[in-house]
Amino acid sequence: MGQCGLQLLLLLAAGAAVSSAVRNTTKGRSFIGHKVETTNNASGKSYVVNDFATEVLTGKLTTVFLPIIYITVFIIGLPSNAMALWVFFFRTNKKHPAVIYMANLALADLLFVIWFPLKIAYHINGNNWIYGERLCKVLVGFFYGNMYCSILFMTCLSVQRYWVIVNPILRSRKKSEFALGISAAIWILVLLSTVPLYVVNQTAYISNLNITTCHDVLPENVLAHDMFNYFLSLAIGVFLFPALLTAVAYILMIKTLNASITDVNAGKKRKRAIKLIITVLSMYLICFTPSNVLLVVHYFMIKTRGQSNVYAAYITTLCLSTLNSCIDPFIYYFISKDFRDNLKNALLCRSVRTTKRMQVSLSSSRYPKKSHSYSSSSNTTKTTY
């Protein structure tokens, strides 16, 4: 199956999962809150939580550890993704499909980390949300949206890398146009998948703690069946299927490289492929797999037992999943020689014109007999994506 067919299959499966998930209205993953009558808050609605939830909401896990991780991600992720996005938009001449996918991935990460100061303040303030319902919904939507955006764009990037190895000479404008269409479809898909998180209330006043939580406590009357179906659909369609597709792409990639063992460049290609595989698999193992698995387990326990004691572990893994916003720029660096060169030239304040002249000069010094031919091709840059 070709690259276009694999990516369309990915979108169809993810789209089916989103369609199923959106039909199941949900308020997200949370503790169960028991509604009580009160006049202490503006909405007139307040809730109480059990001892386990109280311990988590007031403990050092959520008020110390989580803010430290989020601060680290913000400090590293904001400048690195902004720099990556600038390189993709202003320093890269050829809009190769890989560039398009990586640029969208950097954009998703950047849109995600800019909301981190609110998340950090929320946890440092004892899990007390003071910024209103609308900003809470936006934060929650971007939180989940970034994770699924990263998974889908990483899958597209993996399939594209395999396709480049199988067809190293094939270049076409239509491939770039197709990549743009796939990217637009992913953004629409992720937006639709987070719609249920925007249409319901995400804040809850906890009377026995005198705090207002954001997405951490649910009313008692929320049906676990709906939440379980919603997140199970997302876990299968927007996590499991893309993960399997990525694994298949890597298996075929290694198989193709092994078949071309007589090729002089096969050794270098294999090393680059192995680096990419290790990096992406690490991303899945550290960032995506634990949070998606525990999310399903959490709601399965609520559905079958009426309570769950894995929520603390889940919010920890969800916090660790944000590390992908720090890892992604390094993925660009490792898998793309062009990105490394463009980043280096940007950090050295070299203009695009100066960089082109240096490339022509270097090529002329290597091949002096053909120096007259470089003037006509100086506007092109070799891509190694």
Protein backbone atom coordinates (compact mmCIF):
# COMPACT_ATOMS: atom_id res chain seq x y z
CA MET A 1 0.00 0.00 0.00
CA GLY A 2 1.31 3.44 -0.91
CA GLN A 3 2.01 6.37 1.36
CA CYS A 4 -1.23 8.12 0.39
CA GLY A 5 -3.27 4.98 1.06
CA LEU A 6 -1.70 4.41 4.49
CA GLN A 7 -2.29 7.99 5.58
CA LEU A 8 -5.88 7.97 4.31
CA LEU A 9 -6.44 4.70 6.21
CA LEU A 10 -5.09 6.36 9.32
CA LEU A 11 -7.48 9.30 8.96
CA LEU A 12 -10.47 7.06 8.27
CA ALA A 13 -9.82 4.97 11.39
CA ALA A 14 -9.20 8.03 13.55
CA GLY A 15 -12.27 9.71 12.09
CA ALA A 16 -14.44 6.72 12.92
CA ALA A 17 -13.14 6.79 16.50
CA VAL A 18 -13.84 10.52 16.81
CA SER A 19 -17.34 10.09 15.40
CA SER A 20 -18.04 7.42 18.00
CA ALA A 21 -16.45 9.46 20.77
CA VAL A 22 -18.33 12.68 20.04
CA ARG A 23 -21.67 10.83 20.17
CA ASN A 24 -20.82 9.87 23.76
CA THR A 25 -21.05 13.17 25.66
CA THR A 26 -18.45 13.34 28.42
CA LYS A 27 -16.91 15.70 30.90
CA GLY A 28 -13.44 14.15 30.90
CA ARG A 29 -11.31 12.19 33.32
CA SER A 30 -11.72 13.19 36.97
CA PHE A 31 -12.48 12.32 40.58
CA ILE A 32 -16.14 11.77 41.45
CA GLY A 33 -17.62 14.73 43.28
CA HIS A 34 -20.75 14.48 45.44
CA LYS A 35 -23.01 17.49 45.04
CA VAL A 36 -23.98 19.47 48.16
CA GLU A 37 -26.04 22.61 48.68
CA THR A 38 -24.09 25.79 49.32
CA THR A 39 -24.27 29.55 48.93
CA ASN A 40 -20.54 30.21 49.17
CA ASN A 41 -19.88 30.32 45.45
CA ALA A 42 -21.43 32.25 42.58
CA SER A 43 -22.86 29.24 40.73
CA GLY A 44 -24.60 27.85 43.79
CA LYS A 45 -23.21 24.39 43.01
CA SER A 46 -20.52 22.75 45.08
CA TYR A 47 -19.15 19.28 45.64
CA VAL A 48 -17.29 17.27 48.24
CA VAL A 49 -14.67 14.60 47.53
CA ASN A 50 -13.53 11.55 49.46
CA ASP A 51 -10.35 11.22 51.51
CA PHE A 52 -8.31 9.76 48.66
CA ALA A 53 -9.19 12.64 46.34
CA THR A 54 -8.51 15.12 49.12
CA GLU A 55 -5.07 13.62 49.68
CA VAL A 56 -4.21 13.86 45.98
CA LEU A 57 -5.56 17.39 45.50
CA THR A 58 -3.69 18.72 48.54
CA GLY A 59 -0.56 16.55 48.34
CA LYS A 60 2.87 17.31 46.96
CA LEU A 61 2.27 15.22 43.86
CA THR A 62 -0.09 17.79 42.37
CA THR A 63 1.20 20.93 44.09
CA VAL A 64 4.97 20.36 43.76
CA PHE A 65 5.92 17.54 41.36
CA LEU A 66 3.50 18.40 38.54
CA PRO A 67 4.41 22.12 38.50
CA ILE A 68 8.12 21.25 38.34
CA ILE A 69 7.55 19.05 35.26
CA TYR A 70 5.34 21.67 33.60
CA ILE A 71 7.85 24.44 34.27
CA THR A 72 10.63 22.32 32.74
CA VAL A 73 8.53 21.57 29.65
CA PHE A 74 7.61 25.24 29.29
CA ILE A 75 11.21 26.48 29.60
CA ILE A 76 12.49 23.97 27.03
CA GLY A 77 9.45 23.55 24.81
CA LEU A 78 8.56 27.20 24.15
CA PRO A 79 11.87 28.41 22.66
CA SER A 80 12.75 25.11 20.95
CA ASN A 81 9.41 24.78 19.16
CA ALA A 82 9.34 28.46 18.27
CA MET A 83 12.83 28.12 16.76
CA ALA A 84 11.84 24.93 14.91
CA LEU A 85 8.74 26.60 13.49
CA TRP A 86 10.81 29.60 12.36
CA VAL A 87 13.31 27.31 10.64
CA PHE A 88 10.55 25.42 8.84
CA PHE A 89 8.75 28.56 7.67
CA PHE A 90 11.62 30.93 6.87
CA ARG A 91 14.81 28.88 6.44
CA THR A 92 13.62 25.81 4.54
CA ASN A 93 13.12 26.44 0.82
CA LYS A 94 11.58 23.18 -0.36
CA LYS A 95 8.28 22.33 1.28
CA HIS A 96 8.83 18.60 1.36
CA PRO A 97 6.02 16.47 2.91
CA ALA A 98 8.26 15.72 5.90
CA VAL A 99 8.77 19.46 6.43
CA ILE A 100 5.02 20.00 6.33
CA TYR A 101 4.36 17.31 8.94
CA MET A 102 7.16 18.51 11.22
CA ALA A 103 6.03 22.14 10.92
CA ASN A 104 2.50 21.16 11.94
CA LEU A 105 3.86 19.13 14.83
CA ALA A 106 5.93 22.11 16.00
CA LEU A 107 2.87 24.37 15.68
CA ALA A 108 0.77 21.99 17.79
CA ASP A 109 3.46 21.88 20.48
CA LEU A 110 3.85 25.65 20.49
CA LEU A 111 0.09 26.25 20.78
CA PHE A 112 0.13 23.79 23.66
CA VAL A 113 2.98 25.13 25.78
CA ILE A 114 1.83 28.77 25.63
CA TRP A 115 -1.01 27.80 27.99
CA PHE A 116 1.34 26.22 30.54
CA PRO A 117 1.63 29.28 32.81
CA LEU A 118 -2.07 28.87 33.67
CA LYS A 119 -1.60 25.17 34.38
CA ILE A 120 1.46 25.85 36.52
CA ALA A 121 -0.31 28.56 38.52
CA TYR A 122 -3.31 26.25 39.03
CA HIS A 123 -1.23 23.52 40.66
CA ILE A 124 1.01 25.86 42.65
CA ASN A 125 -2.13 27.55 44.00
CA GLY A 126 -3.27 24.25 45.50
CA ASN A 127 -5.27 23.09 42.47
CA ASN A 128 -7.44 26.19 42.74
CA TRP A 129 -8.59 27.52 39.36
CA ILE A 130 -9.27 31.28 39.36
CA TYR A 131 -9.37 32.02 35.64
CA GLY A 132 -12.95 31.13 34.80
CA GLU A 133 -14.77 28.33 32.98
CA ARG A 134 -13.83 29.34 29.42
CA LEU A 135 -10.08 29.33 29.95
CA CYS A 136 -10.37 25.99 31.75
CA LYS A 137 -12.11 24.50 28.71
CA VAL A 138 -9.44 25.89 26.38
CA LEU A 139 -6.66 24.46 28.55
CA VAL A 140 -8.28 21.03 28.70
CA GLY A 141 -8.96 21.01 24.97
CA PHE A 142 -5.38 21.91 24.10
CA PHE A 143 -4.07 19.34 26.58
CA TYR A 144 -5.77 16.41 24.90
CA GLY A 145 -5.58 17.91 21.42
CA ASN A 146 -1.80 18.20 21.56
CA MET A 147 -1.35 14.57 22.54
CA TYR A 148 -3.48 13.27 19.68
CA CYS A 149 -2.00 15.79 17.23
CA SER A 150 1.47 14.58 18.10
CA ILE A 151 0.49 10.93 17.66
CA LEU A 152 -1.12 11.49 14.25
CA PHE A 153 1.64 13.72 12.85
CA MET A 154 4.33 11.36 14.14
CA THR A 155 2.54 8.52 12.37
CA CYS A 156 2.39 10.50 9.12
CA LEU A 157 6.06 11.35 9.46
CA SER A 158 6.96 7.70 10.03
CA VAL A 159 4.97 6.54 6.99
CA GLN A 160 6.55 9.30 4.91
CA ARG A 161 10.07 8.27 5.99
CA TYR A 162 9.37 4.70 4.95
CA TRP A 163 8.03 5.92 1.60
CA VAL A 164 11.17 7.98 0.97
CA ILE A 165 13.37 4.91 1.56
CA VAL A 166 11.24 2.78 -0.77
CA ASN A 167 11.05 5.50 -3.46
CA PRO A 168 14.15 7.70 -2.95
CA ILE A 169 13.96 9.32 -6.40
CA LEU A 170 10.25 10.08 -6.48
CA ARG A 171 9.57 13.79 -6.09
CA SER A 172 6.33 15.54 -6.96
CA ARG A 173 4.41 18.66 -6.13
CA LYS A 174 1.29 16.56 -5.63
CA LYS A 175 2.93 14.82 -2.67
CA SER A 176 3.33 18.15 -0.91
CA GLU A 177 -0.25 19.10 -1.71
CA PHE A 178 -1.41 15.76 -0.34
CA ALA A 179 0.61 16.33 2.85
CA LEU A 180 -1.08 19.73 3.26
CA GLY A 181 -4.48 18.09 2.86
CA ILE A 182 -3.65 15.38 5.39
CA SER A 183 -2.42 18.01 7.86
CA ALA A 184 -5.60 20.06 7.51
CA ALA A 185 -7.69 16.91 7.99
CA ILE A 186 -5.77 16.05 11.18
CA TRP A 187 -6.42 19.50 12.66
CA ILE A 188 -10.14 19.19 11.90
CA LEU A 189 -10.20 15.66 13.30
CA VAL A 190 -8.53 16.68 16.56
CA LEU A 191 -10.83 19.69 16.92
CA LEU A 192 -13.87 17.43 16.54
CA SER A 193 -12.47 14.93 19.01
CA THR A 194 -12.22 17.61 21.71
CA VAL A 195 -15.68 19.11 21.12
CA PRO A 196 -17.24 17.27 24.10
CA LEU A 197 -14.64 18.88 26.35
CA TYR A 198 -15.78 22.36 25.29
CA VAL A 199 -19.53 21.96 25.53
CA VAL A 200 -19.69 20.93 29.20
CA ASN A 201 -18.61 22.57 32.46
CA GLN A 202 -15.06 21.69 33.48
CA THR A 203 -14.80 23.61 36.76
CA ALA A 204 -16.22 22.47 40.11
CA TYR A 205 -16.19 24.17 43.50
CA ILE A 206 -15.05 21.76 46.25
CA SER A 207 -16.61 22.97 49.49
CA ASN A 208 -14.61 20.81 51.89
CA LEU A 209 -11.33 22.11 50.38
CA ASN A 210 -12.54 25.62 49.48
CA ILE A 211 -11.03 25.37 45.97
CA THR A 212 -12.34 25.38 42.41
CA THR A 213 -10.87 22.57 40.34
CA CYS A 214 -10.36 22.52 36.57
CA HIS A 215 -11.15 19.12 35.03
CA ASP A 216 -10.14 17.25 38.18
CA VAL A 217 -13.58 16.61 39.74
CA LEU A 218 -16.78 15.40 38.07
CA PRO A 219 -20.35 15.57 39.33
CA GLU A 220 -21.67 12.35 40.79
CA ASN A 221 -24.39 12.01 38.15
CA VAL A 222 -21.99 11.81 35.18
CA LEU A 223 -22.35 8.37 33.63
CA ALA A 224 -19.16 6.30 33.62
CA HIS A 225 -20.52 4.42 30.60
CA ASP A 226 -20.34 7.54 28.40
CA MET A 227 -16.87 8.51 29.59
CA PHE A 228 -15.56 4.99 29.16
CA ASN A 229 -16.86 4.75 25.57
CA TYR A 230 -15.53 8.21 24.71
CA PHE A 231 -11.98 7.66 25.85
CA LEU A 232 -11.91 4.02 24.75
CA SER A 233 -12.83 5.18 21.22
CA LEU A 234 -10.04 7.77 21.26
CA ALA A 235 -7.52 5.32 22.71
CA ILE A 236 -8.23 2.79 19.96
CA GLY A 237 -8.74 5.08 16.97
CA VAL A 238 -6.30 7.91 17.71
CA PHE A 239 -3.66 6.03 19.67
CA LEU A 240 -3.62 2.27 19.15
CA PHE A 241 -4.23 2.19 15.40
CA PRO A 242 -1.65 4.95 14.63
CA ALA A 243 0.83 3.15 16.91
CA LEU A 244 0.35 -0.11 15.00
CA LEU A 245 0.67 1.71 11.68
CA THR A 246 3.90 3.33 12.88
CA ALA A 247 5.27 -0.06 13.96
CA VAL A 248 4.40 -1.59 10.57
CA ALA A 249 6.10 1.31 8.77
CA TYR A 250 9.29 0.78 10.81
CA ILE A 251 9.29 -2.99 10.25
CA LEU A 252 8.96 -2.46 6.49
CA MET A 253 11.62 0.25 6.66
CA ILE A 254 14.17 -2.07 8.28
CA LYS A 255 13.22 -4.86 5.89
CA THR A 256 13.82 -2.59 2.89
CA LEU A 257 17.16 -1.40 4.22
CA ASN A 258 18.31 -4.96 4.87
CA ALA A 259 17.38 -5.91 1.31
CA SER A 260 19.66 -3.16 -0.01
CA ILE A 261 22.71 -4.30 1.96
CA THR A 262 24.89 -4.04 -1.17
CA ASP A 263 24.12 -0.34 -1.48
CA VAL A 264 26.98 1.89 -0.32
CA ASN A 265 24.56 4.31 1.38
CA ALA A 266 22.54 1.54 3.04
CA GLY A 267 24.66 1.66 6.21
CA LYS A 268 24.07 5.39 6.72
CA LYS A 269 20.36 5.04 5.95
CA ARG A 270 20.08 2.18 8.41
CA LYS A 271 21.72 4.22 11.17
CA ARG A 272 19.36 7.14 10.56
CA ALA A 273 16.39 4.77 10.51
CA ILE A 274 17.44 3.14 13.78
CA LYS A 275 17.81 6.56 15.43
CA LEU A 276 14.35 7.52 14.28
CA ILE A 277 12.84 4.22 15.45
CA ILE A 278 14.43 4.42 18.91
CA THR A 279 13.35 8.05 19.34
CA VAL A 280 9.75 7.52 18.26
CA LEU A 281 9.36 4.29 20.23
CA SER A 282 10.70 6.08 23.29
CA MET A 283 8.11 8.79 22.68
CA TYR A 284 5.33 6.21 22.60
CA LEU A 285 6.60 4.30 25.63
CA ILE A 286 7.20 7.35 27.83
CA CYS A 287 4.67 9.90 26.66
CA PHE A 288 1.68 8.23 25.04
CA THR A 289 1.26 4.61 26.13
CA PRO A 290 1.05 4.98 29.96
CA SER A 291 -1.47 7.84 29.90
CA ASN A 292 -3.77 6.22 27.33
CA VAL A 293 -3.69 2.82 29.05
CA LEU A 294 -4.32 4.24 32.53
CA LEU A 295 -7.07 6.48 31.18
CA VAL A 296 -9.02 3.44 29.94
CA VAL A 297 -8.26 1.51 33.14
CA HIS A 298 -9.44 4.45 35.27
CA TYR A 299 -12.84 4.64 33.61
CA PHE A 300 -13.19 0.86 33.40
CA MET A 301 -12.78 0.68 37.17
CA ILE A 302 -15.35 3.43 37.67
CA LYS A 303 -17.75 1.64 35.34
CA THR A 304 -17.37 -1.78 36.97
CA ARG A 305 -16.59 -0.90 40.61
CA GLY A 306 -17.98 2.59 41.03
CA GLN A 307 -14.58 3.96 42.08
CA SER A 308 -10.96 4.13 40.93
CA ASN A 309 -7.68 4.46 42.80
CA VAL A 310 -5.43 4.90 39.74
CA TYR A 311 -6.26 8.55 39.13
CA ALA A 312 -3.10 9.75 40.86
CA ALA A 313 -1.00 7.51 38.63
CA TYR A 314 -2.96 8.70 35.61
CA ILE A 315 -2.42 12.43 36.16
CA THR A 316 1.28 11.66 36.69
CA THR A 317 1.54 9.87 33.34
CA LEU A 318 -0.53 12.60 31.69
CA CYS A 319 1.98 15.12 33.02
CA LEU A 320 4.86 13.03 31.64
CA SER A 321 3.09 12.89 28.27
CA THR A 322 3.75 16.62 27.91
CA LEU A 323 7.45 15.79 27.57
CA ASN A 324 6.74 15.12 23.90
CA SER A 325 6.70 18.90 23.43
CA CYS A 326 10.36 18.91 24.48
CA ILE A 327 11.38 15.77 22.57
CA ASP A 328 9.83 16.71 19.21
CA PRO A 329 12.40 19.42 18.28
CA PHE A 330 15.20 16.93 18.90
CA ILE A 331 13.47 14.46 16.59
CA TYR A 332 13.62 17.07 13.83
CA TYR A 333 17.31 17.53 14.58
CA PHE A 334 18.16 13.83 14.43
CA ILE A 335 16.16 12.80 11.36
CA SER A 336 16.87 15.78 9.10
CA LYS A 337 20.29 16.98 8.00
CA ASP A 338 18.66 20.01 6.36
CA PHE A 339 17.09 21.00 9.67
CA ARG A 340 20.44 20.70 11.43
CA ASP A 341 22.16 22.83 8.78
CA ASN A 342 19.40 25.45 8.70
CA LEU A 343 19.30 25.65 12.49
CA LYS A 344 23.07 26.04 12.67
CA ASN A 345 23.01 28.80 10.05
CA ALA A 346 20.16 30.54 11.84
CA LEU A 347 21.97 30.46 15.18
CA LEU A 348 25.08 31.86 13.46
CA CYS A 349 22.92 34.66 11.99
CA ARG A 350 23.65 33.65 8.42
CA SER A 351 21.09 34.83 5.89
CA VAL A 352 19.51 32.45 3.39
CA ARG A 353 21.44 34.14 0.55
CA THR A 354 24.74 33.75 2.40
CA THR A 355 23.99 30.09 3.05
CA LYS A 356 23.29 29.46 -0.65
CA ARG A 357 26.57 31.12 -1.63
CA MET A 358 28.47 28.96 0.85
CA GLN A 359 26.83 25.83 -0.57
CA VAL A 360 27.77 26.83 -4.13
CA SER A 361 31.31 27.67 -3.07
CA LEU A 362 31.69 24.34 -1.26
CA SER A 363 30.36 22.43 -4.24
CA SER A 364 32.69 24.30 -6.60
CA SER A 365 35.71 23.47 -4.47
CA ARG A 366 34.80 19.80 -4.51
CA TYR A 367 34.10 19.66 -8.25
CA PRO A 368 36.20 22.41 -9.91
CA LYS A 369 35.70 21.07 -13.46
CA LYS A 370 31.93 21.50 -13.21
CA SER A 371 31.95 24.85 -11.50
CA HIS A 372 30.24 26.55 -14.46
CA SER A 373 27.05 24.56 -13.90
CA TYR A 374 26.34 25.71 -10.38
CA SER A 375 25.18 29.19 -11.22
CA SER A 376 21.99 27.81 -12.72
CA SER A 377 21.23 25.53 -9.81
CA SER A 378 22.16 27.77 -6.90
CA ASN A 379 18.53 28.40 -6.08
CA THR A 380 17.92 24.82 -5.09
CA THR A 381 18.87 23.12 -1.89
CA LYS A 382 19.45 19.44 -1.43
CA THR A 383 16.91 17.89 0.88
CA THR A 384 17.56 14.94 3.11
CA TYR A 385 14.18 14.64 4.78
